[in-house]
Each structure stands twice: as structure tokens, then as C-alpha cells.
Amino acid sequence: MLALNQMLAELAGARHISSPVDFIVPAADAAFVDSLLVREQLKEFVVINPGGGWPTKRWLRKVRTAGERIQEDCGFLWRYDRSR
């Protein structure tokens, strides 16, 4: 699907530009994650962001299925936390 989207974008005149993406994480958020990793004794984990800016990119209903699949296939503990 990604390759199809890229091809359609190129046909419409878009250029492929590769550049690094910097994520600015507030210190309080970084401290929260660090404490969570220590408390839960996590060294390997997967983060799923169920939201999105566009209605077509919001897939909250499929989050549970994705989390359960990750747990089954990879052995990661599935936990959905709506508090943050």
C-alpha cells in the first residue's frame, strides 16, 4: 500500500525527499516514560498511537486487535493505558 501511495504521489508530481525527523519530547514526558520503564522493568516494548490528525487515520477500534497480535506473535505484554 505504501508503494502504491508513493507511486500515485510521484505521478501527481510529488518528489521523494528523505530527511531526518526530530521529535521534541518535553522533559516531563521523558521523565514519565523513564519512570514507567523502570517501574514495569521494560527493556523492549512497542508503542501504538491510536489517534491521528485526519479522521481517516484514526483507528482506535483496531488498537485492541493490533495489541493482541503483537502479544501473540512477539510475546510482548499487551496493555492499553488511556491515562496518558
C-alpha atoms as a PDB file:
ATOM      1  CA  MET A   1       0.000   0.000   0.000  1.00  0.00           C
ATOM      2  CA  LEU A   2       2.842   2.402   0.817  1.00  0.00           C
ATOM      3  CA  ALA A   3       4.490   1.748  -2.554  1.00  0.00           C
ATOM      4  CA  LEU A   4       1.172   2.427  -4.313  1.00  0.00           C
ATOM      5  CA  ASN A   5       0.726   5.696  -2.406  1.00  0.00           C
ATOM      6  CA  GLN A   6       4.282   6.756  -3.294  1.00  0.00           C
ATOM      7  CA  MET A   7       3.746   5.906  -6.956  1.00  0.00           C
ATOM      8  CA  LEU A   8       0.489   7.876  -7.098  1.00  0.00           C
ATOM      9  CA  ALA A   9       2.138  10.842  -5.386  1.00  0.00           C
ATOM     10  CA  GLU A  10       5.015  10.769  -7.892  1.00  0.00           C
ATOM     11  CA  LEU A  11       2.573  10.581 -10.811  1.00  0.00           C
ATOM     12  CA  ALA A  12       0.891  13.682  -9.378  1.00  0.00           C
ATOM     13  CA  GLY A  13       4.245  15.480  -9.390  1.00  0.00           C
ATOM     14  CA  ALA A  14       5.477  14.933  -5.831  1.00  0.00           C
ATOM     15  CA  ARG A  15       9.192  14.403  -5.257  1.00  0.00           C
ATOM     16  CA  HIS A  16      10.640  11.930  -2.789  1.00  0.00           C
ATOM     17  CA  ILE A  17      12.755  13.759  -0.224  1.00  0.00           C
ATOM     18  CA  SER A  18      14.471  11.869   2.557  1.00  0.00           C
ATOM     19  CA  SER A  19      15.401  13.822   5.652  1.00  0.00           C
ATOM     20  CA  PRO A  20      15.716  13.048   9.347  1.00  0.00           C
ATOM     21  CA  VAL A  21      12.780  13.762  11.604  1.00  0.00           C
ATOM     22  CA  ASP A  22      13.439  15.263  15.004  1.00  0.00           C
ATOM     23  CA  PHE A  23      10.941  14.610  17.770  1.00  0.00           C
ATOM     24  CA  ILE A  24      10.969  17.159  20.566  1.00  0.00           C
ATOM     25  CA  VAL A  25       9.956  15.403  23.777  1.00  0.00           C
ATOM     26  CA  PRO A  26       9.183  17.623  26.778  1.00  0.00           C
ATOM     27  CA  ALA A  27      11.338  16.832  29.827  1.00  0.00           C
ATOM     28  CA  ALA A  28       8.289  15.917  31.939  1.00  0.00           C
ATOM     29  CA  ASP A  29       7.146  13.375  29.333  1.00  0.00           C
ATOM     30  CA  ALA A  30      10.616  11.855  29.046  1.00  0.00           C
ATOM     31  CA  ALA A  31      10.797  11.551  32.850  1.00  0.00           C
ATOM     32  CA  PHE A  32       7.363   9.876  32.919  1.00  0.00           C
ATOM     33  CA  VAL A  33       8.423   7.305  30.307  1.00  0.00           C
ATOM     34  CA  ASP A  34      11.744   6.653  32.041  1.00  0.00           C
ATOM     35  CA  SER A  35       9.989   6.023  35.373  1.00  0.00           C
ATOM     36  CA  LEU A  36       7.400   3.784  33.682  1.00  0.00           C
ATOM     37  CA  LEU A  37      10.114   1.678  32.037  1.00  0.00           C
ATOM     38  CA  VAL A  38      11.915   1.259  35.362  1.00  0.00           C
ATOM     39  CA  ARG A  39       8.710   0.528  37.308  1.00  0.00           C
ATOM     40  CA  GLU A  40       7.486  -2.046  34.774  1.00  0.00           C
ATOM     41  CA  GLN A  41      11.015  -3.421  34.214  1.00  0.00           C
ATOM     42  CA  LEU A  42      10.673  -2.950  30.460  1.00  0.00           C
ATOM     43  CA  LYS A  43      13.641  -3.086  28.112  1.00  0.00           C
ATOM     44  CA  GLU A  44      11.800  -3.941  24.885  1.00  0.00           C
ATOM     45  CA  PHE A  45       8.411  -2.506  24.050  1.00  0.00           C
ATOM     46  CA  VAL A  46       6.085  -1.414  21.261  1.00  0.00           C
ATOM     47  CA  VAL A  47       4.175   1.863  21.291  1.00  0.00           C
ATOM     48  CA  ILE A  48       0.921   2.165  19.373  1.00  0.00           C
ATOM     49  CA  ASN A  49      -0.578   5.592  18.711  1.00  0.00           C
ATOM     50  CA  PRO A  50      -4.279   5.017  18.022  1.00  0.00           C
ATOM     51  CA  GLY A  51      -5.023   8.623  17.112  1.00  0.00           C
ATOM     52  CA  GLY A  52      -4.302  10.790  14.158  1.00  0.00           C
ATOM     53  CA  GLY A  53      -4.890  14.227  12.770  1.00  0.00           C
ATOM     54  CA  TRP A  54      -7.178  13.075   9.975  1.00  0.00           C
ATOM     55  CA  PRO A  55     -10.408  11.132  10.593  1.00  0.00           C
ATOM     56  CA  THR A  56      -9.255   8.518   8.051  1.00  0.00           C
ATOM     57  CA  LYS A  57      -6.085   7.924  10.094  1.00  0.00           C
ATOM     58  CA  ARG A  58      -7.883   7.240  13.391  1.00  0.00           C
ATOM     59  CA  TRP A  59      -8.046   3.526  14.047  1.00  0.00           C
ATOM     60  CA  LEU A  60      -8.940   3.284  17.732  1.00  0.00           C
ATOM     61  CA  ARG A  61     -11.258   0.316  17.102  1.00  0.00           C
ATOM     62  CA  LYS A  62      -8.372  -1.747  15.725  1.00  0.00           C
ATOM     63  CA  VAL A  63      -5.907  -0.984  18.533  1.00  0.00           C
ATOM     64  CA  ARG A  64      -7.004  -3.923  20.658  1.00  0.00           C
ATOM     65  CA  THR A  65      -6.634  -6.350  17.753  1.00  0.00           C
ATOM     66  CA  ALA A  66      -3.173  -4.975  16.910  1.00  0.00           C
ATOM     67  CA  GLY A  67      -2.058  -5.176  20.546  1.00  0.00           C
ATOM     68  CA  GLU A  68      -3.286  -8.734  20.926  1.00  0.00           C
ATOM     69  CA  ARG A  69      -1.496  -9.764  17.703  1.00  0.00           C
ATOM     70  CA  ILE A  70       1.748  -8.199  18.896  1.00  0.00           C
ATOM     71  CA  GLN A  71       1.420 -10.074  22.179  1.00  0.00           C
ATOM     72  CA  GLU A  72       0.726 -13.384  20.438  1.00  0.00           C
ATOM     73  CA  ASP A  73       3.361 -13.058  17.711  1.00  0.00           C
ATOM     74  CA  CYS A  74       6.143 -11.280  19.624  1.00  0.00           C
ATOM     75  CA  GLY A  75       5.492 -12.178  23.243  1.00  0.00           C
ATOM     76  CA  PHE A  76       5.120  -8.558  24.348  1.00  0.00           C
ATOM     77  CA  LEU A  77       2.659  -7.869  27.144  1.00  0.00           C
ATOM     78  CA  TRP A  78      -0.389  -6.026  25.798  1.00  0.00           C
ATOM     79  CA  ARG A  79      -1.701  -3.194  27.921  1.00  0.00           C
ATOM     80  CA  TYR A  80      -3.905  -0.315  26.855  1.00  0.00           C
ATOM     81  CA  ASP A  81      -3.489   2.750  29.064  1.00  0.00           C
ATOM     82  CA  ARG A  82      -5.826   5.655  28.378  1.00  0.00           C
ATOM     83  CA  SER A  83      -4.481   7.740  31.260  1.00  0.00           C
ATOM     84  CA  ARG A  84      -1.739   9.446  29.208  1.00  0.00           C
END
